[in-house]
Amino acid sequence: MTVERLAELRRLAALYRAFLVHRFKVLLEYRANFAIGVVSTVLVQAAGIAGIWVVLRQVGTLQGWRFEELLLLYGLLVTSRSLEHMFADNLWTVGFQIQDGTFDRFLVRPVDPLFHLLADRFNHDGLGNLLAGLAAVVHAWSVLGIPATAGNLVYAVVAVLSGGAIFVALNLATATTAFWIVLSLPVTRAVHGLHEFARFPLTLYGKGIQGVFTWLLPFGFASFYPASHLLGRDVGAVVWAGPGVAAVFSLAAYRFWLFGLRRYSGTGT
């Protein structure tokens, strides 16, 4: 890495930190709203976990997966998603900003537009997802007696980071469609909503669906594959592919973003 590139990364890190500090100052001006946002997302995830528990009370196991094993899978998914929720939530607003003309401000400032877009908003609601996801993982890990080895811990952290990158990449790709259709929210919501399928073992679905959630919309790398590895379930060498898949999807989404940005002409508002 060149000295110039390293200096630029340090500048961006300092700039992001300034954005983040400012955002928290704004959020803490309305502390009740901050607390409600965090608590509400915790309750939403608690309701999701309760739903799984109710189902498992009736059927015992789900294709051999016990409640605590499903809790581990669910917790990994929610923790991965929390990273996108906290740090990339502004992607959901791209279409609206293009529609009302406010997106242009990202193009006239001396910083990368995508960096500015992402740094411009930290969503504190995602903290609730992070807390709920971590609590689910820690509880399931303890109950299941998964060895807390350095290898397992590093694998879990890398899996969560890879899953978060996959969520961001898919949201970035769908948000980029706003450069052509303007209101991209329905597209983003449709793709993002499919992650709900990854709350359960992919083996519940047919081979075609498994392929979709492995290679096309790879939410499985945020839940099923890392959970399977940590539980000692043999699903093949694909359990190691998460970081590579995340890198490929992130690069492809960024390239698509640049392609769309070059063709952006505004809406005249």
Protein backbone atom coordinates (compact mmCIF):
# COMPACT_ATOMS: atom_id res chain seq x y z
CA MET A 1 0.00 0.00 0.00
CA THR A 2 1.41 3.39 -1.00
CA VAL A 3 1.95 6.21 1.46
CA GLU A 4 -0.66 8.29 -0.37
CA ARG A 5 -3.25 5.52 -0.15
CA LEU A 6 -2.57 5.01 3.54
CA ALA A 7 -2.95 8.74 4.19
CA GLU A 8 -6.26 8.75 2.31
CA LEU A 9 -7.57 5.83 4.38
CA ARG A 10 -6.60 7.66 7.57
CA ARG A 11 -8.40 10.77 6.34
CA LEU A 12 -11.56 8.80 5.58
CA ALA A 13 -11.40 7.05 8.97
CA ALA A 14 -11.13 10.41 10.74
CA LEU A 15 -13.95 11.82 8.63
CA TYR A 16 -16.19 8.83 9.36
CA ARG A 17 -15.47 9.17 13.05
CA ALA A 18 -16.51 12.83 12.88
CA PHE A 19 -19.77 11.87 11.12
CA LEU A 20 -20.42 9.18 13.75
CA VAL A 21 -19.77 11.48 16.71
CA HIS A 22 -22.07 14.11 15.24
CA ARG A 23 -24.78 11.51 14.63
CA PHE A 24 -24.65 10.29 18.23
CA LYS A 25 -24.83 13.86 19.50
CA VAL A 26 -28.02 14.32 17.50
CA LEU A 27 -29.47 10.98 18.65
CA LEU A 28 -28.73 11.63 22.32
CA GLU A 29 -30.59 14.92 22.16
CA TYR A 30 -33.70 12.72 22.01
CA ARG A 31 -32.77 9.96 24.43
CA ALA A 32 -36.26 8.53 24.77
CA ASN A 33 -36.44 8.07 21.00
CA PHE A 34 -32.98 6.49 21.04
CA ALA A 35 -34.00 4.01 23.74
CA ILE A 36 -37.32 3.20 22.06
CA GLY A 37 -35.58 2.50 18.76
CA VAL A 38 -33.12 0.07 20.37
CA VAL A 39 -35.66 -1.64 22.62
CA SER A 40 -38.23 -2.01 19.84
CA THR A 41 -35.82 -3.92 17.61
CA VAL A 42 -34.84 -6.16 20.53
CA LEU A 43 -38.52 -6.95 21.06
CA VAL A 44 -39.02 -7.68 17.35
CA GLN A 45 -36.21 -10.22 17.43
CA ALA A 46 -37.47 -11.66 20.71
CA ALA A 47 -40.83 -12.20 19.02
CA GLY A 48 -39.09 -14.00 16.16
CA ILE A 49 -37.28 -16.28 18.57
CA ALA A 50 -40.50 -16.92 20.48
CA GLY A 51 -42.16 -17.96 17.22
CA ILE A 52 -39.44 -20.55 16.58
CA TRP A 53 -39.77 -21.80 20.17
CA VAL A 54 -43.54 -22.25 19.79
CA VAL A 55 -43.08 -24.24 16.59
CA LEU A 56 -40.40 -26.45 18.14
CA ARG A 57 -42.62 -27.17 21.14
CA GLN A 58 -45.07 -28.80 18.75
CA VAL A 59 -42.69 -30.68 16.46
CA GLY A 60 -39.66 -31.27 18.69
CA THR A 61 -37.00 -30.75 16.02
CA LEU A 62 -36.86 -29.26 12.54
CA GLN A 63 -35.09 -31.73 10.29
CA GLY A 64 -32.94 -32.73 13.25
CA TRP A 65 -32.25 -29.15 14.41
CA ARG A 66 -33.13 -28.51 18.06
CA PHE A 67 -34.30 -25.14 19.39
CA GLU A 68 -30.86 -24.08 20.65
CA GLU A 69 -29.29 -24.98 17.32
CA LEU A 70 -31.87 -22.91 15.47
CA LEU A 71 -31.25 -20.14 17.99
CA LEU A 72 -27.57 -20.14 17.06
CA LEU A 73 -28.47 -19.96 13.36
CA TYR A 74 -30.98 -17.17 14.01
CA GLY A 75 -28.55 -15.22 16.18
CA LEU A 76 -25.80 -15.31 13.56
CA LEU A 77 -28.22 -14.05 10.91
CA VAL A 78 -29.52 -11.20 13.09
CA THR A 79 -26.00 -10.16 14.13
CA SER A 80 -24.87 -10.06 10.50
CA ARG A 81 -27.92 -8.08 9.49
CA SER A 82 -27.35 -5.61 12.35
CA LEU A 83 -24.12 -4.44 10.67
CA GLU A 84 -26.02 -3.45 7.53
CA HIS A 85 -28.81 -1.94 9.64
CA MET A 86 -26.40 0.26 11.60
CA PHE A 87 -23.87 1.30 8.98
CA ALA A 88 -25.61 1.10 5.59
CA ASP A 89 -29.22 2.00 6.32
CA ASN A 90 -29.00 5.10 4.15
CA LEU A 91 -28.97 2.86 1.06
CA TRP A 92 -32.70 2.40 1.57
CA THR A 93 -33.24 6.14 0.95
CA VAL A 94 -31.33 6.54 -2.34
CA GLY A 95 -34.48 6.52 -4.48
CA PHE A 96 -36.20 9.15 -2.35
CA GLN A 97 -33.11 11.36 -2.37
CA ILE A 98 -32.88 11.13 -6.16
CA GLN A 99 -36.57 11.92 -6.43
CA ASP A 100 -36.41 15.09 -4.33
CA GLY A 101 -33.01 16.22 -5.63
CA THR A 102 -31.08 15.95 -2.37
CA PHE A 103 -28.84 13.19 -3.74
CA ASP A 104 -26.93 15.81 -5.74
CA ARG A 105 -25.27 17.09 -2.57
CA PHE A 106 -23.19 13.88 -2.48
CA LEU A 107 -21.80 14.74 -5.91
CA VAL A 108 -20.54 18.26 -5.17
CA ARG A 109 -18.49 17.58 -2.04
CA PRO A 110 -14.79 16.58 -1.98
CA VAL A 111 -15.37 12.99 -0.84
CA ASP A 112 -16.48 9.77 -2.50
CA PRO A 113 -20.30 9.85 -2.92
CA LEU A 114 -20.82 6.30 -1.63
CA PHE A 115 -18.64 6.93 1.42
CA HIS A 116 -20.57 10.11 2.14
CA LEU A 117 -23.91 8.36 1.68
CA LEU A 118 -22.98 5.61 4.13
CA ALA A 119 -21.33 7.94 6.66
CA ASP A 120 -24.26 10.36 6.58
CA ARG A 121 -26.50 8.11 8.67
CA PHE A 122 -25.93 5.66 11.50
CA ASN A 123 -29.16 3.85 12.39
CA HIS A 124 -29.29 3.28 16.14
CA ASP A 125 -32.17 0.82 15.75
CA GLY A 126 -29.56 -1.65 14.50
CA LEU A 127 -28.02 -1.68 17.97
CA GLY A 128 -31.11 -3.58 19.11
CA ASN A 129 -30.53 -6.20 16.43
CA LEU A 130 -26.87 -6.43 17.45
CA LEU A 131 -27.72 -6.94 21.12
CA ALA A 132 -30.45 -9.49 20.37
CA GLY A 133 -28.28 -11.39 17.92
CA LEU A 134 -25.28 -11.53 20.22
CA ALA A 135 -27.44 -12.61 23.15
CA ALA A 136 -28.93 -15.43 21.08
CA VAL A 137 -25.51 -16.60 19.89
CA VAL A 138 -23.93 -16.48 23.35
CA HIS A 139 -26.84 -18.33 24.97
CA ALA A 140 -27.00 -21.01 22.28
CA TRP A 141 -23.21 -21.38 22.28
CA SER A 142 -23.23 -21.95 26.04
CA VAL A 143 -26.18 -24.37 26.11
CA LEU A 144 -24.83 -26.41 23.19
CA GLY A 145 -21.37 -26.60 24.72
CA ILE A 146 -19.58 -25.40 21.59
CA PRO A 147 -15.84 -25.22 22.40
CA ALA A 148 -14.74 -21.61 22.78
CA THR A 149 -11.51 -22.23 20.91
CA ALA A 150 -9.64 -19.47 19.11
CA GLY A 151 -10.50 -21.16 15.82
CA ASN A 152 -14.24 -21.22 16.53
CA LEU A 153 -14.29 -17.64 17.80
CA VAL A 154 -12.37 -16.30 14.83
CA TYR A 155 -14.56 -18.29 12.45
CA ALA A 156 -17.73 -16.86 14.04
CA VAL A 157 -16.45 -13.28 13.86
CA VAL A 158 -15.38 -13.67 10.22
CA ALA A 159 -18.72 -15.29 9.37
CA VAL A 160 -20.66 -12.38 10.90
CA LEU A 161 -18.52 -9.80 9.11
CA SER A 162 -18.90 -11.70 5.84
CA GLY A 163 -22.65 -11.95 6.34
CA GLY A 164 -22.86 -8.23 7.05
CA ALA A 165 -20.89 -7.47 3.88
CA ILE A 166 -23.28 -9.67 1.88
CA PHE A 167 -26.29 -7.78 3.26
CA VAL A 168 -24.68 -4.45 2.37
CA ALA A 169 -23.67 -5.64 -1.11
CA LEU A 170 -27.17 -6.85 -1.98
CA ASN A 171 -28.73 -3.64 -0.66
CA LEU A 172 -26.22 -1.54 -2.60
CA ALA A 173 -26.92 -3.43 -5.82
CA THR A 174 -30.68 -3.03 -5.47
CA ALA A 175 -30.42 0.61 -4.36
CA THR A 176 -28.36 1.35 -7.49
CA THR A 177 -31.39 0.56 -9.64
CA ALA A 178 -32.68 3.97 -8.50
CA PHE A 179 -30.44 5.58 -11.13
CA TRP A 180 -32.85 4.14 -13.72
CA ILE A 181 -36.19 3.57 -11.98
CA VAL A 182 -35.81 6.30 -9.27
CA LEU A 183 -37.85 4.60 -6.53
CA SER A 184 -35.77 1.53 -5.82
CA LEU A 185 -37.24 0.80 -2.37
CA PRO A 186 -39.62 -1.95 -3.58
CA VAL A 187 -36.69 -3.73 -5.26
CA THR A 188 -34.50 -3.45 -2.17
CA ARG A 189 -37.32 -4.52 0.11
CA ALA A 190 -38.18 -7.53 -2.07
CA VAL A 191 -34.60 -8.82 -2.14
CA HIS A 192 -33.86 -7.98 1.47
CA GLY A 193 -37.07 -9.63 2.67
CA LEU A 194 -35.92 -12.95 1.26
CA HIS A 195 -33.34 -13.20 4.03
CA GLU A 196 -36.19 -14.47 6.21
CA PHE A 197 -35.76 -17.84 4.48
CA ALA A 198 -32.27 -18.03 5.98
CA ARG A 199 -33.73 -18.08 9.50
CA PHE A 200 -34.12 -21.82 9.02
CA PRO A 201 -31.78 -24.57 7.80
CA LEU A 202 -31.40 -24.49 4.03
CA THR A 203 -31.90 -28.25 3.98
CA LEU A 204 -35.60 -27.57 4.56
CA TYR A 205 -35.83 -26.37 0.96
CA GLY A 206 -35.31 -28.03 -2.40
CA LYS A 207 -31.96 -28.04 -4.17
CA GLY A 208 -32.92 -25.09 -6.34
CA ILE A 209 -33.82 -22.88 -3.37
CA GLN A 210 -30.64 -23.98 -1.58
CA GLY A 211 -28.66 -22.88 -4.63
CA VAL A 212 -30.36 -19.48 -4.68
CA PHE A 213 -29.51 -18.78 -1.04
CA THR A 214 -25.97 -20.03 -1.50
CA TRP A 215 -24.82 -18.44 -4.76
CA LEU A 216 -27.44 -15.94 -6.01
CA LEU A 217 -28.73 -14.34 -2.79
CA PRO A 218 -26.14 -15.84 -0.44
CA PHE A 219 -27.85 -15.20 2.89
CA GLY A 220 -26.97 -18.78 3.83
CA PHE A 221 -23.42 -17.62 4.56
CA ALA A 222 -24.81 -15.39 7.31
CA SER A 223 -26.63 -18.23 9.07
CA PHE A 224 -26.85 -21.83 7.88
CA TYR A 225 -23.26 -22.49 6.83
CA PRO A 226 -21.47 -20.93 9.82
CA ALA A 227 -23.99 -22.50 12.23
CA SER A 228 -23.49 -25.90 10.59
CA HIS A 229 -19.72 -25.63 10.92
CA LEU A 230 -19.85 -24.59 14.58
CA LEU A 231 -22.25 -27.45 15.33
CA GLY A 232 -20.03 -29.99 13.59
CA ARG A 233 -22.58 -30.71 10.85
CA ASP A 234 -20.92 -31.79 7.64
CA VAL A 235 -22.25 -29.72 4.74
CA GLY A 236 -19.03 -29.66 2.75
CA ALA A 237 -16.18 -27.24 2.10
CA VAL A 238 -18.70 -24.50 1.27
CA VAL A 239 -18.61 -23.47 4.96
CA TRP A 240 -15.26 -21.77 4.20
CA ALA A 241 -16.53 -19.80 1.19
CA GLY A 242 -18.23 -16.95 3.09
CA PRO A 243 -15.42 -14.37 2.95
CA GLY A 244 -14.80 -15.06 -0.73
CA VAL A 245 -18.49 -14.78 -1.60
CA ALA A 246 -18.74 -11.55 0.40
CA ALA A 247 -15.71 -10.09 -1.41
CA VAL A 248 -17.06 -11.01 -4.87
CA PHE A 249 -20.53 -9.63 -4.17
CA SER A 250 -19.13 -6.45 -2.59
CA LEU A 251 -16.89 -5.77 -5.58
CA ALA A 252 -19.67 -6.53 -8.07
CA ALA A 253 -22.13 -4.29 -6.20
CA TYR A 254 -19.60 -1.44 -6.07
CA ARG A 255 -18.86 -1.76 -9.78
CA PHE A 256 -22.58 -1.71 -10.49
CA TRP A 257 -22.91 1.40 -8.31
CA LEU A 258 -20.15 3.18 -10.27
CA PHE A 259 -21.81 2.12 -13.54
CA GLY A 260 -25.14 3.59 -12.41
CA LEU A 261 -23.55 6.73 -10.98
CA ARG A 262 -21.92 7.54 -14.33
CA ARG A 263 -25.37 7.46 -15.92
CA TYR A 264 -27.14 9.53 -13.29
CA SER A 265 -28.61 12.74 -14.67
CA GLY A 266 -31.01 13.84 -11.91
CA THR A 267 -34.76 14.21 -12.01
CA GLY A 268 -34.91 17.99 -12.40
CA THR A 269 -36.33 18.56 -8.91
